[in-house]
Amino acid sequence: MSIENHPIFQPIELWQRKLANRMVVAPMTRVSAMANGEVTGEMVNYYMSFAAGGFGGIHHLERAHMAPKNVKL
């Protein structure tokens, strides 16, 4: 089997999403969220660099959370 045909480079569908390959970035604690848990531009750029580099998915669980804009944390 050639490296180009290795299963890790083949597309896969997970949870009704098609990934270009089977490479997924694991969660990393970088503590770049704000103290209240808001995502920062630094975090967005950091994880976007993995997507731009060809990773099929990014499993992200850093100290950040999502909340509606009208909810005070």
C-alpha atoms as a PDB file:
ATOM      1  CA  MET A   1       0.000   0.000   0.000  1.00  0.00           C
ATOM      2  CA  SER A   2       1.375   3.407  -0.950  1.00  0.00           C
ATOM      3  CA  ILE A   3       1.272   6.247   1.549  1.00  0.00           C
ATOM      4  CA  GLU A   4      -1.215   8.132  -0.660  1.00  0.00           C
ATOM      5  CA  ASN A   5      -3.660   5.211  -0.369  1.00  0.00           C
ATOM      6  CA  HIS A   6      -3.311   4.815   3.394  1.00  0.00           C
ATOM      7  CA  PRO A   7      -6.730   4.910   5.138  1.00  0.00           C
ATOM      8  CA  ILE A   8      -5.739   7.971   7.213  1.00  0.00           C
ATOM      9  CA  PHE A   9      -5.784  10.052   4.013  1.00  0.00           C
ATOM     10  CA  GLN A  10      -9.173   8.746   2.838  1.00  0.00           C
ATOM     11  CA  PRO A  11     -12.431  10.669   3.388  1.00  0.00           C
ATOM     12  CA  ILE A  12     -14.797   9.533   6.138  1.00  0.00           C
ATOM     13  CA  GLU A  13     -18.257  10.539   7.314  1.00  0.00           C
ATOM     14  CA  LEU A  14     -18.789  11.059  11.056  1.00  0.00           C
ATOM     15  CA  TRP A  15     -21.935  12.359  12.692  1.00  0.00           C
ATOM     16  CA  GLN A  16     -23.393  13.318   9.300  1.00  0.00           C
ATOM     17  CA  ARG A  17     -20.288  15.363   8.407  1.00  0.00           C
ATOM     18  CA  LYS A  18     -17.886  14.421   5.667  1.00  0.00           C
ATOM     19  CA  LEU A  19     -14.229  14.869   6.565  1.00  0.00           C
ATOM     20  CA  ALA A  20     -11.589  15.132   3.844  1.00  0.00           C
ATOM     21  CA  ASN A  21      -9.344  12.724   5.757  1.00  0.00           C
ATOM     22  CA  ARG A  22      -9.144  10.920   9.093  1.00  0.00           C
ATOM     23  CA  MET A  23      -6.644  13.226  10.769  1.00  0.00           C
ATOM     24  CA  VAL A  24      -8.176  14.984  13.770  1.00  0.00           C
ATOM     25  CA  VAL A  25      -6.467  17.403  16.132  1.00  0.00           C
ATOM     26  CA  ALA A  26      -6.925  16.385  19.769  1.00  0.00           C
ATOM     27  CA  PRO A  27      -8.023  18.922  22.388  1.00  0.00           C
ATOM     28  CA  MET A  28      -5.163  20.961  23.799  1.00  0.00           C
ATOM     29  CA  THR A  29      -5.119  23.133  26.870  1.00  0.00           C
ATOM     30  CA  ARG A  30      -3.511  26.383  25.880  1.00  0.00           C
ATOM     31  CA  VAL A  31      -5.486  28.584  28.278  1.00  0.00           C
ATOM     32  CA  SER A  32      -5.969  31.230  25.601  1.00  0.00           C
ATOM     33  CA  ALA A  33      -9.652  31.832  26.385  1.00  0.00           C
ATOM     34  CA  MET A  34     -10.637  34.905  28.358  1.00  0.00           C
ATOM     35  CA  ALA A  35     -11.117  34.530  32.128  1.00  0.00           C
ATOM     36  CA  ASN A  36     -14.898  34.297  31.643  1.00  0.00           C
ATOM     37  CA  GLY A  37     -14.477  31.514  29.063  1.00  0.00           C
ATOM     38  CA  GLU A  38     -14.995  33.588  25.912  1.00  0.00           C
ATOM     39  CA  VAL A  39     -13.152  32.503  22.809  1.00  0.00           C
ATOM     40  CA  THR A  40     -10.374  34.873  21.728  1.00  0.00           C
ATOM     41  CA  GLY A  41      -9.091  35.720  18.270  1.00  0.00           C
ATOM     42  CA  GLU A  42      -5.866  33.977  19.249  1.00  0.00           C
ATOM     43  CA  MET A  43      -7.776  30.712  19.810  1.00  0.00           C
ATOM     44  CA  VAL A  44      -9.659  31.029  16.536  1.00  0.00           C
ATOM     45  CA  ASN A  45      -6.454  31.644  14.584  1.00  0.00           C
ATOM     46  CA  TYR A  46      -4.649  28.793  16.338  1.00  0.00           C
ATOM     47  CA  TYR A  47      -7.270  26.187  15.488  1.00  0.00           C
ATOM     48  CA  MET A  48      -7.895  27.604  12.006  1.00  0.00           C
ATOM     49  CA  SER A  49      -4.238  26.966  11.240  1.00  0.00           C
ATOM     50  CA  PHE A  50      -4.830  23.227  11.711  1.00  0.00           C
ATOM     51  CA  ALA A  51      -7.800  23.299   9.357  1.00  0.00           C
ATOM     52  CA  ALA A  52      -5.813  25.256   6.771  1.00  0.00           C
ATOM     53  CA  GLY A  53      -2.985  22.742   7.159  1.00  0.00           C
ATOM     54  CA  GLY A  54      -5.205  19.902   6.001  1.00  0.00           C
ATOM     55  CA  PHE A  55      -6.570  18.280   9.155  1.00  0.00           C
ATOM     56  CA  GLY A  56      -9.983  16.696   8.545  1.00  0.00           C
ATOM     57  CA  GLY A  57     -11.347  17.706  11.936  1.00  0.00           C
ATOM     58  CA  ILE A  58     -10.591  19.564  15.122  1.00  0.00           C
ATOM     59  CA  HIS A  59     -11.887  18.208  18.420  1.00  0.00           C
ATOM     60  CA  HIS A  60     -11.840  21.310  20.565  1.00  0.00           C
ATOM     61  CA  LEU A  61     -12.442  21.330  24.313  1.00  0.00           C
ATOM     62  CA  GLU A  62     -10.395  24.149  25.744  1.00  0.00           C
ATOM     63  CA  ARG A  63     -11.588  26.287  28.641  1.00  0.00           C
ATOM     64  CA  ALA A  64     -14.150  28.147  26.598  1.00  0.00           C
ATOM     65  CA  HIS A  65     -17.889  27.937  26.291  1.00  0.00           C
ATOM     66  CA  MET A  66     -20.709  29.162  24.134  1.00  0.00           C
ATOM     67  CA  ALA A  67     -23.607  31.191  25.513  1.00  0.00           C
ATOM     68  CA  PRO A  68     -26.249  33.437  23.986  1.00  0.00           C
ATOM     69  CA  LYS A  69     -25.198  37.095  23.850  1.00  0.00           C
ATOM     70  CA  ASN A  70     -27.894  38.130  26.330  1.00  0.00           C
ATOM     71  CA  VAL A  71     -26.721  35.703  29.051  1.00  0.00           C
ATOM     72  CA  LYS A  72     -24.311  37.079  31.654  1.00  0.00           C
ATOM     73  CA  LEU A  73     -21.657  34.624  32.739  1.00  0.00           C
END
